Amino acid sequence: FLNIQKFKYMKTNIVLLITIISLFSFSANAQLKVNSTGKVGIGLEPDATYYLSPYSIIFKAGGSYPDLILGPNPSLTQTRAIYPSVTNTGSIGWTTNQFDSIYAQYHYANGVLLTSDKRLKENFHTIDHPLDKLLQINGQKYDFISQGTDTIKDVNEKQRRLRLEKNRLGFIAQDLEKIVPEAVFYFKDEDRYYIDYNAVIPVIVEAMKEQQQLIQDLKSKVASIEANCCNNNLKGALIAPSENKAQLDQNIPNPFSKETQIGCFIPEGSGSSVLYIYNMNGIQLQQYSINGKGEQSVTISGSSFEPGMYLYALVIDGREVDTKRMILTK
């Protein structure tokens, strides 16, 4: 409750402040309006006022405009709020007059619109290796460390805050920064990390398109094998190539988590035969020497690599035979 003397003092100071601002704002372009009751408005409607109540400050815009109220939350009397007198009216900032930042514990909205006008953008680039990035991202379930929940007296508000702090789903900013740094922001003055979750959506979309292309390629190969098999045209290719020609097979299974087999055919008379493993950036991670001839296979352990997409290539006598992709899941 406000002390009566403090209330009068506050009201006097606010009136004085508004008077000073009005004097400084007055210019040749200002509009002076007088209504039928003799009320005067400088640059605004004469009916526009403000008044104080024991709990609130209410700014009246005049006319049909809604009032702006600074006072108790309508549903939670122990918290403060700024809200219009009529729902779904008013705005905070504008297209040409924007706030730089808004900090809040939680945002409640029926929708969020992000600026995405092409006319406001430049330096367009495709996303490199989206599927490789997506396979490295780990979702987490976690609780927020309590931020003053114990001091909340309202039972309903306390339960609501506890519900919002527990069993959350998301990413860890420090981990995501290593994979998709464009989606992570660190502000030194706050010593805090933030994630733009919307920035992860384009990575997901492009990864799905890349994965779909891999699926289509595999379907085409399976269809070709089935067609040859039904026409009895394999000529023993599933067991051994009919010609003395080097061959690299798709790893089985693919994707894999524990281990996978990579088959190949090494022609008689060949010299050095090596299977190389690369990441999607072309960096060599491992190599396996193949000493035998004919049908051979190499076992790849999933524990030797991080989840992601990899390339493997068969090189015989310094010449690349073929290169294929494999996917390691967690």
C-alpha atoms as a PDB file:
ATOM      1  CA  PHE A   1       0.000   0.000   0.000  1.00  0.00           C
ATOM      2  CA  LEU A   2       1.208   3.479  -0.823  1.00  0.00           C
ATOM      3  CA  ASN A   3       1.711   6.009   1.887  1.00  0.00           C
ATOM      4  CA  ILE A   4      -0.629   8.979   1.181  1.00  0.00           C
ATOM      5  CA  GLN A   5       2.196  11.498   1.335  1.00  0.00           C
ATOM      6  CA  LYS A   6       4.413   9.398  -0.964  1.00  0.00           C
ATOM      7  CA  PHE A   7       1.439   9.011  -3.321  1.00  0.00           C
ATOM      8  CA  LYS A   8       0.923  12.787  -3.497  1.00  0.00           C
ATOM      9  CA  TYR A   9       4.659  13.336  -3.954  1.00  0.00           C
ATOM     10  CA  MET A  10       4.817  10.753  -6.765  1.00  0.00           C
ATOM     11  CA  LYS A  11       1.792  12.274  -8.477  1.00  0.00           C
ATOM     12  CA  THR A  12       3.272  15.786  -8.255  1.00  0.00           C
ATOM     13  CA  ASN A  13       6.602  14.602  -9.710  1.00  0.00           C
ATOM     14  CA  ILE A  14       4.932  12.765 -12.592  1.00  0.00           C
ATOM     15  CA  VAL A  15       2.777  15.804 -13.434  1.00  0.00           C
ATOM     16  CA  LEU A  16       5.870  18.018 -13.322  1.00  0.00           C
ATOM     17  CA  LEU A  17       7.819  15.576 -15.530  1.00  0.00           C
ATOM     18  CA  ILE A  18       5.030  15.446 -18.118  1.00  0.00           C
ATOM     19  CA  THR A  19       4.811  19.257 -18.097  1.00  0.00           C
ATOM     20  CA  ILE A  20       8.569  19.601 -18.713  1.00  0.00           C
ATOM     21  CA  ILE A  21       8.497  17.033 -21.530  1.00  0.00           C
ATOM     22  CA  SER A  22       5.540  18.818 -23.088  1.00  0.00           C
ATOM     23  CA  LEU A  23       7.374  22.165 -23.009  1.00  0.00           C
ATOM     24  CA  PHE A  24      10.474  20.712 -24.655  1.00  0.00           C
ATOM     25  CA  SER A  25       8.373  18.845 -27.210  1.00  0.00           C
ATOM     26  CA  PHE A  26       6.345  21.902 -28.213  1.00  0.00           C
ATOM     27  CA  SER A  27       7.286  23.294 -31.612  1.00  0.00           C
ATOM     28  CA  ALA A  28       5.772  24.966 -34.645  1.00  0.00           C
ATOM     29  CA  ASN A  29       4.637  21.537 -35.855  1.00  0.00           C
ATOM     30  CA  ALA A  30       2.888  20.582 -32.602  1.00  0.00           C
ATOM     31  CA  GLN A  31      -0.904  20.515 -32.695  1.00  0.00           C
ATOM     32  CA  LEU A  32      -2.796  22.344 -29.971  1.00  0.00           C
ATOM     33  CA  LYS A  33      -6.307  20.943 -29.451  1.00  0.00           C
ATOM     34  CA  VAL A  34      -9.126  22.112 -27.160  1.00  0.00           C
ATOM     35  CA  ASN A  35     -12.297  20.070 -26.647  1.00  0.00           C
ATOM     36  CA  SER A  36     -15.793  21.255 -25.699  1.00  0.00           C
ATOM     37  CA  THR A  37     -15.068  21.028 -21.975  1.00  0.00           C
ATOM     38  CA  GLY A  38     -12.002  23.250 -22.213  1.00  0.00           C
ATOM     39  CA  LYS A  39      -9.400  20.469 -21.931  1.00  0.00           C
ATOM     40  CA  VAL A  40      -6.191  21.187 -23.873  1.00  0.00           C
ATOM     41  CA  GLY A  41      -3.989  18.640 -25.661  1.00  0.00           C
ATOM     42  CA  ILE A  42      -0.523  19.414 -27.083  1.00  0.00           C
ATOM     43  CA  GLY A  43       0.342  16.879 -29.770  1.00  0.00           C
ATOM     44  CA  LEU A  44      -2.369  14.488 -28.521  1.00  0.00           C
ATOM     45  CA  GLU A  45      -6.077  14.313 -27.848  1.00  0.00           C
ATOM     46  CA  PRO A  46      -7.330  16.537 -24.980  1.00  0.00           C
ATOM     47  CA  ASP A  47      -8.913  13.501 -23.292  1.00  0.00           C
ATOM     48  CA  ALA A  48      -5.547  11.694 -23.110  1.00  0.00           C
ATOM     49  CA  THR A  49      -4.515  11.575 -19.448  1.00  0.00           C
ATOM     50  CA  TYR A  50      -2.978   9.400 -16.837  1.00  0.00           C
ATOM     51  CA  TYR A  51      -4.014   8.768 -13.264  1.00  0.00           C
ATOM     52  CA  LEU A  52      -2.753   6.860 -10.244  1.00  0.00           C
ATOM     53  CA  SER A  53      -4.574   4.298  -8.168  1.00  0.00           C
ATOM     54  CA  PRO A  54      -3.239   2.696  -4.965  1.00  0.00           C
ATOM     55  CA  TYR A  55      -1.866  -0.164  -7.087  1.00  0.00           C
ATOM     56  CA  SER A  56      -1.611   1.061 -10.694  1.00  0.00           C
ATOM     57  CA  ILE A  57      -0.627   3.807 -13.107  1.00  0.00           C
ATOM     58  CA  ILE A  58      -3.100   4.049 -15.985  1.00  0.00           C
ATOM     59  CA  PHE A  59      -2.336   5.997 -19.163  1.00  0.00           C
ATOM     60  CA  LYS A  60      -5.508   7.018 -21.019  1.00  0.00           C
ATOM     61  CA  ALA A  61      -4.984   7.637 -24.732  1.00  0.00           C
ATOM     62  CA  GLY A  62      -8.358   9.296 -25.279  1.00  0.00           C
ATOM     63  CA  GLY A  63     -10.969   8.612 -27.912  1.00  0.00           C
ATOM     64  CA  SER A  64     -11.456   4.959 -28.844  1.00  0.00           C
ATOM     65  CA  TYR A  65      -7.869   3.955 -28.067  1.00  0.00           C
ATOM     66  CA  PRO A  66      -7.311   1.411 -25.268  1.00  0.00           C
ATOM     67  CA  ASP A  67      -5.689   2.446 -22.008  1.00  0.00           C
ATOM     68  CA  LEU A  68      -2.228   1.247 -21.003  1.00  0.00           C
ATOM     69  CA  ILE A  69      -2.102  -0.102 -17.475  1.00  0.00           C
ATOM     70  CA  LEU A  70       0.972  -0.557 -15.288  1.00  0.00           C
ATOM     71  CA  GLY A  71      -0.140  -2.490 -12.256  1.00  0.00           C
ATOM     72  CA  PRO A  72      -0.963  -5.888 -10.751  1.00  0.00           C
ATOM     73  CA  ASN A  73      -1.280  -8.902 -12.992  1.00  0.00           C
ATOM     74  CA  PRO A  74      -5.060  -9.390 -13.506  1.00  0.00           C
ATOM     75  CA  SER A  75      -4.830 -13.038 -12.424  1.00  0.00           C
ATOM     76  CA  LEU A  76      -1.827 -12.910 -10.064  1.00  0.00           C
ATOM     77  CA  THR A  77      -2.034  -9.975  -7.645  1.00  0.00           C
ATOM     78  CA  GLN A  78       1.481 -10.519  -6.303  1.00  0.00           C
ATOM     79  CA  THR A  79       3.117  -9.855  -9.656  1.00  0.00           C
ATOM     80  CA  ARG A  80       3.236  -6.707 -11.801  1.00  0.00           C
ATOM     81  CA  ALA A  81       2.341  -6.368 -15.456  1.00  0.00           C
ATOM     82  CA  ILE A  82       2.014  -3.872 -18.309  1.00  0.00           C
ATOM     83  CA  TYR A  83      -1.083  -4.544 -20.400  1.00  0.00           C
ATOM     84  CA  PRO A  84      -3.776  -2.772 -22.485  1.00  0.00           C
ATOM     85  CA  SER A  85      -7.307  -2.315 -21.170  1.00  0.00           C
ATOM     86  CA  VAL A  86      -8.662  -4.103 -24.266  1.00  0.00           C
ATOM     87  CA  THR A  87      -7.264  -7.503 -25.276  1.00  0.00           C
ATOM     88  CA  ASN A  88      -5.447  -7.986 -28.606  1.00  0.00           C
ATOM     89  CA  THR A  89      -4.676  -4.275 -28.964  1.00  0.00           C
ATOM     90  CA  GLY A  90      -1.472  -2.241 -28.904  1.00  0.00           C
ATOM     91  CA  SER A  91       2.117  -3.226 -29.629  1.00  0.00           C
ATOM     92  CA  ILE A  92       5.608  -2.949 -28.164  1.00  0.00           C
ATOM     93  CA  GLY A  93       7.790  -1.077 -30.630  1.00  0.00           C
ATOM     94  CA  TRP A  94       7.126  -0.810 -34.355  1.00  0.00           C
ATOM     95  CA  THR A  95       8.735  -1.696 -37.701  1.00  0.00           C
ATOM     96  CA  THR A  96      10.600   1.613 -37.850  1.00  0.00           C
ATOM     97  CA  ASN A  97      10.902   2.109 -34.078  1.00  0.00           C
ATOM     98  CA  GLN A  98      12.152  -1.120 -32.574  1.00  0.00           C
ATOM     99  CA  PHE A  99      13.595  -2.047 -29.215  1.00  0.00           C
ATOM    100  CA  ASP A 100      17.067  -3.555 -29.423  1.00  0.00           C
ATOM    101  CA  SER A 101      16.428  -6.418 -26.986  1.00  0.00           C
ATOM    102  CA  ILE A 102      13.706  -7.838 -24.777  1.00  0.00           C
ATOM    103  CA  TYR A 103      14.752 -10.065 -21.874  1.00  0.00           C
ATOM    104  CA  ALA A 104      12.194 -12.317 -20.223  1.00  0.00           C
ATOM    105  CA  GLN A 105      12.023 -15.637 -18.435  1.00  0.00           C
ATOM    106  CA  TYR A 106       9.171 -16.919 -20.620  1.00  0.00           C
ATOM    107  CA  HIS A 107       7.284 -15.680 -23.688  1.00  0.00           C
ATOM    108  CA  TYR A 108       3.630 -16.549 -24.248  1.00  0.00           C
ATOM    109  CA  ALA A 109       2.207 -15.990 -27.729  1.00  0.00           C
ATOM    110  CA  ASN A 110      -0.236 -17.450 -30.229  1.00  0.00           C
ATOM    111  CA  GLY A 111       2.378 -17.056 -32.944  1.00  0.00           C
ATOM    112  CA  VAL A 112       5.826 -15.691 -33.710  1.00  0.00           C
ATOM    113  CA  LEU A 113       6.727 -14.021 -36.999  1.00  0.00           C
ATOM    114  CA  LEU A 114      10.418 -13.724 -37.909  1.00  0.00           C
ATOM    115  CA  THR A 115      11.695 -11.301 -40.513  1.00  0.00           C
ATOM    116  CA  SER A 116      12.587 -13.334 -43.609  1.00  0.00           C
ATOM    117  CA  ASP A 117      12.196 -10.872 -46.471  1.00  0.00           C
ATOM    118  CA  LYS A 118      14.694 -11.659 -49.236  1.00  0.00           C
ATOM    119  CA  ARG A 119      15.099  -7.934 -49.845  1.00  0.00           C
ATOM    120  CA  LEU A 120      16.722  -7.625 -46.424  1.00  0.00           C
ATOM    121  CA  LYS A 121      19.245 -10.435 -46.988  1.00  0.00           C
ATOM    122  CA  GLU A 122      22.475 -10.996 -48.896  1.00  0.00           C
ATOM    123  CA  ASN A 123      25.416 -13.426 -49.196  1.00  0.00           C
ATOM    124  CA  PHE A 124      23.302 -16.543 -49.798  1.00  0.00           C
ATOM    125  CA  HIS A 125      25.069 -19.930 -49.471  1.00  0.00           C
ATOM    126  CA  THR A 126      24.034 -23.567 -49.394  1.00  0.00           C
ATOM    127  CA  ILE A 127      24.400 -25.492 -46.126  1.00  0.00           C
ATOM    128  CA  ASP A 128      27.418 -27.812 -46.241  1.00  0.00           C
ATOM    129  CA  HIS A 129      26.952 -31.444 -45.166  1.00  0.00           C
ATOM    130  CA  PRO A 130      23.573 -30.958 -43.417  1.00  0.00           C
ATOM    131  CA  LEU A 131      22.999 -34.673 -42.749  1.00  0.00           C
ATOM    132  CA  ASP A 132      26.436 -35.026 -41.193  1.00  0.00           C
ATOM    133  CA  LYS A 133      25.635 -32.073 -38.914  1.00  0.00           C
ATOM    134  CA  LEU A 134      22.198 -33.385 -37.976  1.00  0.00           C
ATOM    135  CA  LEU A 135      23.518 -36.814 -37.008  1.00  0.00           C
ATOM    136  CA  GLN A 136      25.964 -35.189 -34.594  1.00  0.00           C
ATOM    137  CA  ILE A 137      23.336 -33.130 -32.759  1.00  0.00           C
ATOM    138  CA  ASN A 138      22.196 -34.700 -29.489  1.00  0.00           C
ATOM    139  CA  GLY A 139      18.829 -33.796 -27.998  1.00  0.00           C
ATOM    140  CA  GLN A 140      18.730 -33.587 -24.203  1.00  0.00           C
ATOM    141  CA  LYS A 141      16.109 -33.771 -21.461  1.00  0.00           C
ATOM    142  CA  TYR A 142      16.969 -31.543 -18.501  1.00  0.00           C
ATOM    143  CA  ASP A 143      15.781 -29.329 -15.624  1.00  0.00           C
ATOM    144  CA  PHE A 144      16.530 -25.632 -15.259  1.00  0.00           C
ATOM    145  CA  ILE A 145      18.292 -24.620 -12.051  1.00  0.00           C
ATOM    146  CA  SER A 146      15.640 -22.914  -9.911  1.00  0.00           C
ATOM    147  CA  GLN A 147      15.580 -19.104 -10.251  1.00  0.00           C
ATOM    148  CA  GLY A 148      13.936 -17.799  -7.082  1.00  0.00           C
ATOM    149  CA  THR A 149      10.945 -20.139  -7.182  1.00  0.00           C
ATOM    150  CA  ASP A 150      11.152 -20.630  -3.409  1.00  0.00           C
ATOM    151  CA  THR A 151      10.307 -16.962  -2.800  1.00  0.00           C
ATOM    152  CA  ILE A 152       6.996 -17.080  -4.731  1.00  0.00           C
ATOM    153  CA  LYS A 153       4.067 -17.009  -2.294  1.00  0.00           C
ATOM    154  CA  ASP A 154       1.190 -17.575  -4.705  1.00  0.00           C
ATOM    155  CA  VAL A 155       0.640 -21.358  -4.801  1.00  0.00           C
ATOM    156  CA  ASN A 156      -0.662 -21.486  -8.373  1.00  0.00           C
ATOM    157  CA  GLU A 157       2.146 -19.295  -9.677  1.00  0.00           C
ATOM    158  CA  LYS A 158       4.733 -21.388  -7.845  1.00  0.00           C
ATOM    159  CA  GLN A 159       3.379 -24.624  -9.350  1.00  0.00           C
ATOM    160  CA  ARG A 160       3.348 -23.048 -12.802  1.00  0.00           C
ATOM    161  CA  ARG A 161       6.983 -21.937 -12.492  1.00  0.00           C
ATOM    162  CA  LEU A 162       8.083 -25.347 -11.210  1.00  0.00           C
ATOM    163  CA  ARG A 163       6.327 -27.009 -14.143  1.00  0.00           C
ATOM    164  CA  LEU A 164       8.191 -24.735 -16.570  1.00  0.00           C
ATOM    165  CA  GLU A 165      11.558 -25.478 -14.972  1.00  0.00           C
ATOM    166  CA  LYS A 166      11.307 -29.286 -15.063  1.00  0.00           C
ATOM    167  CA  ASN A 167      11.521 -31.912 -17.827  1.00  0.00           C
ATOM    168  CA  ARG A 168      12.562 -29.572 -20.612  1.00  0.00           C
ATOM    169  CA  LEU A 169      13.710 -30.766 -24.052  1.00  0.00           C
ATOM    170  CA  GLY A 170      16.373 -29.045 -26.104  1.00  0.00           C
ATOM    171  CA  PHE A 171      20.055 -28.775 -26.958  1.00  0.00           C
ATOM    172  CA  ILE A 172      23.136 -27.770 -24.991  1.00  0.00           C
ATOM    173  CA  ALA A 173      24.490 -24.538 -26.471  1.00  0.00           C
ATOM    174  CA  GLN A 174      28.147 -25.384 -25.865  1.00  0.00           C
ATOM    175  CA  ASP A 175      27.729 -28.706 -27.716  1.00  0.00           C
ATOM    176  CA  LEU A 176      25.661 -27.272 -30.560  1.00  0.00           C
ATOM    177  CA  GLU A 177      28.211 -24.506 -31.112  1.00  0.00           C
ATOM    178  CA  LYS A 178      30.743 -27.117 -32.293  1.00  0.00           C
ATOM    179  CA  ILE A 179      28.313 -28.430 -34.933  1.00  0.00           C
ATOM    180  CA  VAL A 180      26.111 -25.497 -35.990  1.00  0.00           C
ATOM    181  CA  PRO A 181      27.887 -22.376 -34.667  1.00  0.00           C
ATOM    182  CA  GLU A 182      25.488 -20.150 -36.630  1.00  0.00           C
ATOM    183  CA  ALA A 183      22.709 -21.121 -34.195  1.00  0.00           C
ATOM    184  CA  VAL A 184      24.599 -20.275 -30.981  1.00  0.00           C
ATOM    185  CA  PHE A 185      25.303 -16.857 -29.477  1.00  0.00           C
ATOM    186  CA  TYR A 186      27.538 -16.005 -26.515  1.00  0.00           C
ATOM    187  CA  PHE A 187      27.350 -12.571 -24.875  1.00  0.00           C
ATOM    188  CA  LYS A 188      30.507 -11.845 -22.926  1.00  0.00           C
ATOM    189  CA  ASP A 189      28.991  -9.108 -20.763  1.00  0.00           C
ATOM    190  CA  GLU A 190      26.351 -11.585 -19.546  1.00  0.00           C
ATOM    191  CA  ASP A 191      28.586 -14.684 -19.676  1.00  0.00           C
ATOM    192  CA  ARG A 192      25.653 -16.631 -21.062  1.00  0.00           C
ATOM    193  CA  TYR A 193      24.955 -18.789 -24.127  1.00  0.00           C
ATOM    194  CA  TYR A 194      21.790 -18.559 -26.231  1.00  0.00           C
ATOM    195  CA  ILE A 195      20.394 -20.789 -29.014  1.00  0.00           C
ATOM    196  CA  ASP A 196      18.402 -19.660 -32.028  1.00  0.00           C
ATOM    197  CA  TYR A 197      16.337 -22.836 -32.428  1.00  0.00           C
ATOM    198  CA  ASN A 198      14.863 -21.558 -35.688  1.00  0.00           C
ATOM    199  CA  ALA A 199      18.354 -21.658 -37.204  1.00  0.00           C
ATOM    200  CA  VAL A 200      18.390 -25.452 -36.773  1.00  0.00           C
ATOM    201  CA  ILE A 201      15.285 -25.907 -38.966  1.00  0.00           C
ATOM    202  CA  PRO A 202      17.079 -25.259 -42.311  1.00  0.00           C
ATOM    203  CA  VAL A 203      19.727 -27.834 -41.329  1.00  0.00           C
ATOM    204  CA  ILE A 204      16.980 -30.404 -40.659  1.00  0.00           C
ATOM    205  CA  VAL A 205      15.246 -29.645 -43.968  1.00  0.00           C
ATOM    206  CA  GLU A 206      18.425 -29.973 -46.040  1.00  0.00           C
ATOM    207  CA  ALA A 207      19.478 -33.103 -44.121  1.00  0.00           C
ATOM    208  CA  MET A 208      16.149 -34.763 -44.917  1.00  0.00           C
ATOM    209  CA  LYS A 209      16.592 -33.934 -48.598  1.00  0.00           C
ATOM    210  CA  GLU A 210      20.113 -35.385 -48.575  1.00  0.00           C
ATOM    211  CA  GLN A 211      18.902 -38.506 -46.775  1.00  0.00           C
ATOM    212  CA  GLN A 212      16.055 -38.905 -49.254  1.00  0.00           C
ATOM    213  CA  GLN A 213      18.549 -38.799 -52.110  1.00  0.00           C
ATOM    214  CA  LEU A 214      20.550 -41.577 -50.447  1.00  0.00           C
ATOM    215  CA  ILE A 215      17.378 -43.625 -50.055  1.00  0.00           C
ATOM    216  CA  GLN A 216      16.526 -43.141 -53.724  1.00  0.00           C
ATOM    217  CA  ASP A 217      20.038 -44.212 -54.753  1.00  0.00           C
ATOM    218  CA  LEU A 218      19.755 -47.363 -52.641  1.00  0.00           C
ATOM    219  CA  LYS A 219      16.311 -48.142 -54.069  1.00  0.00           C
ATOM    220  CA  SER A 220      17.696 -47.833 -57.589  1.00  0.00           C
ATOM    221  CA  LYS A 221      20.559 -50.204 -56.786  1.00  0.00           C
ATOM    222  CA  VAL A 222      18.229 -52.732 -55.159  1.00  0.00           C
ATOM    223  CA  ALA A 223      15.879 -52.555 -58.140  1.00  0.00           C
ATOM    224  CA  SER A 224      18.802 -53.129 -60.499  1.00  0.00           C
ATOM    225  CA  ILE A 225      20.022 -56.134 -58.499  1.00  0.00           C
ATOM    226  CA  GLU A 226      16.533 -57.630 -58.348  1.00  0.00           C
ATOM    227  CA  ALA A 227      16.072 -57.149 -62.083  1.00  0.00           C
ATOM    228  CA  ASN A 228      19.378 -58.846 -62.884  1.00  0.00           C
ATOM    229  CA  CYS A 229      18.647 -61.628 -60.442  1.00  0.00           C
ATOM    230  CA  CYS A 230      15.219 -62.333 -61.953  1.00  0.00           C
ATOM    231  CA  ASN A 231      16.674 -62.314 -65.461  1.00  0.00           C
ATOM    232  CA  ASN A 232      19.469 -64.627 -64.348  1.00  0.00           C
ATOM    233  CA  ASN A 233      21.993 -62.037 -65.484  1.00  0.00           C
ATOM    234  CA  LEU A 234      24.052 -61.727 -62.326  1.00  0.00           C
ATOM    235  CA  LYS A 235      26.551 -64.243 -63.678  1.00  0.00           C
ATOM    236  CA  GLY A 236      27.774 -64.943 -60.160  1.00  0.00           C
ATOM    237  CA  ALA A 237      28.313 -61.249 -59.371  1.00  0.00           C
ATOM    238  CA  LEU A 238      26.816 -61.663 -55.894  1.00  0.00           C
ATOM    239  CA  ILE A 239      29.475 -64.241 -55.158  1.00  0.00           C
ATOM    240  CA  ALA A 240      32.383 -63.089 -57.271  1.00  0.00           C
ATOM    241  CA  PRO A 241      32.744 -60.796 -60.288  1.00  0.00           C
ATOM    242  CA  SER A 242      32.772 -62.721 -63.561  1.00  0.00           C
ATOM    243  CA  GLU A 243      35.568 -60.522 -64.812  1.00  0.00           C
ATOM    244  CA  ASN A 244      38.860 -59.924 -63.089  1.00  0.00           C
ATOM    245  CA  LYS A 245      37.815 -56.369 -62.233  1.00  0.00           C
ATOM    246  CA  ALA A 246      38.172 -54.473 -58.930  1.00  0.00           C
ATOM    247  CA  GLN A 247      34.928 -53.709 -57.145  1.00  0.00           C
ATOM    248  CA  LEU A 248      33.799 -51.913 -53.954  1.00  0.00           C
ATOM    249  CA  ASP A 249      30.448 -52.877 -52.391  1.00  0.00           C
ATOM    250  CA  GLN A 250      28.047 -50.863 -50.239  1.00  0.00           C
ATOM    251  CA  ASN A 251      28.566 -51.540 -46.551  1.00  0.00           C
ATOM    252  CA  ILE A 252      26.047 -53.811 -44.825  1.00  0.00           C
ATOM    253  CA  PRO A 253      24.157 -52.820 -42.747  1.00  0.00           C
ATOM    254  CA  ASN A 254      23.842 -49.160 -43.573  1.00  0.00           C
ATOM    255  CA  PRO A 255      23.125 -47.190 -41.444  1.00  0.00           C
ATOM    256  CA  PHE A 256      24.822 -49.062 -38.585  1.00  0.00           C
ATOM    257  CA  SER A 257      25.547 -48.506 -34.911  1.00  0.00           C
ATOM    258  CA  LYS A 258      27.817 -51.319 -33.687  1.00  0.00           C
ATOM    259  CA  GLU A 259      29.671 -52.619 -36.742  1.00  0.00           C
ATOM    260  CA  THR A 260      29.344 -52.962 -40.501  1.00  0.00           C
ATOM    261  CA  GLN A 261      30.946 -55.034 -43.257  1.00  0.00           C
ATOM    262  CA  ILE A 262      32.482 -53.504 -46.380  1.00  0.00           C
ATOM    263  CA  GLY A 263      32.911 -56.012 -49.182  1.00  0.00           C
ATOM    264  CA  CYS A 264      35.240 -55.664 -52.161  1.00  0.00           C
ATOM    265  CA  PHE A 265      36.859 -57.666 -54.960  1.00  0.00           C
ATOM    266  CA  ILE A 266      40.635 -57.524 -55.418  1.00  0.00           C
ATOM    267  CA  PRO A 267      41.795 -58.801 -58.856  1.00  0.00           C
ATOM    268  CA  GLU A 268      44.599 -61.327 -59.134  1.00  0.00           C
ATOM    269  CA  GLY A 269      47.912 -59.690 -59.859  1.00  0.00           C
ATOM    270  CA  SER A 270      47.042 -56.533 -57.935  1.00  0.00           C
ATOM    271  CA  GLY A 271      49.622 -54.951 -55.692  1.00  0.00           C
ATOM    272  CA  SER A 272      48.804 -52.681 -52.738  1.00  0.00           C
ATOM    273  CA  SER A 273      45.116 -52.593 -51.773  1.00  0.00           C
ATOM    274  CA  VAL A 274      43.933 -50.144 -49.090  1.00  0.00           C
ATOM    275  CA  LEU A 275      40.499 -49.126 -47.804  1.00  0.00           C
ATOM    276  CA  TYR A 276      40.444 -45.496 -46.583  1.00  0.00           C
ATOM    277  CA  ILE A 277      37.844 -43.875 -44.292  1.00  0.00           C
ATOM    278  CA  TYR A 278      37.192 -40.108 -44.553  1.00  0.00           C
ATOM    279  CA  ASN A 279      34.827 -37.673 -42.865  1.00  0.00           C
ATOM    280  CA  MET A 280      32.562 -35.483 -44.997  1.00  0.00           C
ATOM    281  CA  ASN A 281      35.208 -32.767 -45.048  1.00  0.00           C
ATOM    282  CA  GLY A 282      37.632 -35.096 -46.827  1.00  0.00           C
ATOM    283  CA  ILE A 283      39.922 -35.632 -43.836  1.00  0.00           C
ATOM    284  CA  GLN A 284      41.347 -39.169 -43.629  1.00  0.00           C
ATOM    285  CA  LEU A 285      40.429 -40.868 -40.348  1.00  0.00           C
ATOM    286  CA  GLN A 286      41.517 -44.495 -40.801  1.00  0.00           C
ATOM    287  CA  GLN A 287      42.966 -46.957 -43.313  1.00  0.00           C
ATOM    288  CA  TYR A 288      42.798 -50.744 -43.607  1.00  0.00           C
ATOM    289  CA  SER A 289      45.277 -52.780 -45.666  1.00  0.00           C
ATOM    290  CA  ILE A 290      43.764 -55.672 -47.654  1.00  0.00           C
ATOM    291  CA  ASN A 291      46.250 -58.479 -48.239  1.00  0.00           C
ATOM    292  CA  GLY A 292      44.094 -61.128 -49.927  1.00  0.00           C
ATOM    293  CA  LYS A 293      42.784 -61.417 -53.483  1.00  0.00           C
ATOM    294  CA  GLY A 294      39.305 -62.104 -54.799  1.00  0.00           C
ATOM    295  CA  GLU A 295      36.318 -61.506 -52.545  1.00  0.00           C
ATOM    296  CA  GLN A 296      37.410 -59.676 -49.377  1.00  0.00           C
ATOM    297  CA  SER A 297      35.665 -57.804 -46.570  1.00  0.00           C
ATOM    298  CA  VAL A 298      36.633 -55.308 -43.891  1.00  0.00           C
ATOM    299  CA  THR A 299      34.784 -54.977 -40.574  1.00  0.00           C
ATOM    300  CA  ILE A 300      34.302 -51.416 -39.324  1.00  0.00           C
ATOM    301  CA  SER A 301      33.582 -50.940 -35.615  1.00  0.00           C
ATOM    302  CA  GLY A 302      31.140 -48.158 -34.750  1.00  0.00           C
ATOM    303  CA  SER A 303      33.042 -47.435 -31.532  1.00  0.00           C
ATOM    304  CA  SER A 304      35.987 -46.177 -33.598  1.00  0.00           C
ATOM    305  CA  PHE A 305      34.067 -43.117 -34.856  1.00  0.00           C
ATOM    306  CA  GLU A 306      31.570 -40.500 -33.763  1.00  0.00           C
ATOM    307  CA  PRO A 307      27.994 -40.780 -35.119  1.00  0.00           C
ATOM    308  CA  GLY A 308      27.751 -39.162 -38.542  1.00  0.00           C
ATOM    309  CA  MET A 309      28.187 -39.711 -42.264  1.00  0.00           C
ATOM    310  CA  TYR A 310      31.502 -40.976 -43.667  1.00  0.00           C
ATOM    311  CA  LEU A 311      33.111 -41.769 -46.997  1.00  0.00           C
ATOM    312  CA  TYR A 312      35.108 -44.922 -47.704  1.00  0.00           C
ATOM    313  CA  ALA A 313      37.285 -45.485 -50.752  1.00  0.00           C
ATOM    314  CA  LEU A 314      39.089 -48.511 -52.209  1.00  0.00           C
ATOM    315  CA  VAL A 315      42.519 -47.709 -53.661  1.00  0.00           C
ATOM    316  CA  ILE A 316      44.478 -50.382 -55.553  1.00  0.00           C
ATOM    317  CA  ASP A 317      48.023 -49.693 -56.726  1.00  0.00           C
ATOM    318  CA  GLY A 318      47.512 -45.973 -56.044  1.00  0.00           C
ATOM    319  CA  ARG A 319      44.349 -45.722 -58.158  1.00  0.00           C
ATOM    320  CA  GLU A 320      40.868 -45.112 -56.745  1.00  0.00           C
ATOM    321  CA  VAL A 321      38.445 -47.916 -57.598  1.00  0.00           C
ATOM    322  CA  ASP A 322      35.298 -46.414 -56.072  1.00  0.00           C
ATOM    323  CA  THR A 323      34.047 -44.267 -53.178  1.00  0.00           C
ATOM    324  CA  LYS A 324      30.827 -44.758 -51.214  1.00  0.00           C
ATOM    325  CA  ARG A 325      29.052 -43.331 -48.190  1.00  0.00           C
ATOM    326  CA  MET A 326      28.124 -44.951 -44.901  1.00  0.00           C
ATOM    327  CA  ILE A 327      26.107 -43.662 -41.946  1.00  0.00           C
ATOM    328  CA  LEU A 328      26.942 -44.364 -38.304  1.00  0.00           C
ATOM    329  CA  THR A 329      24.135 -43.804 -35.797  1.00  0.00           C
ATOM    330  CA  LYS A 330      24.345 -43.549 -32.040  1.00  0.00           C
END
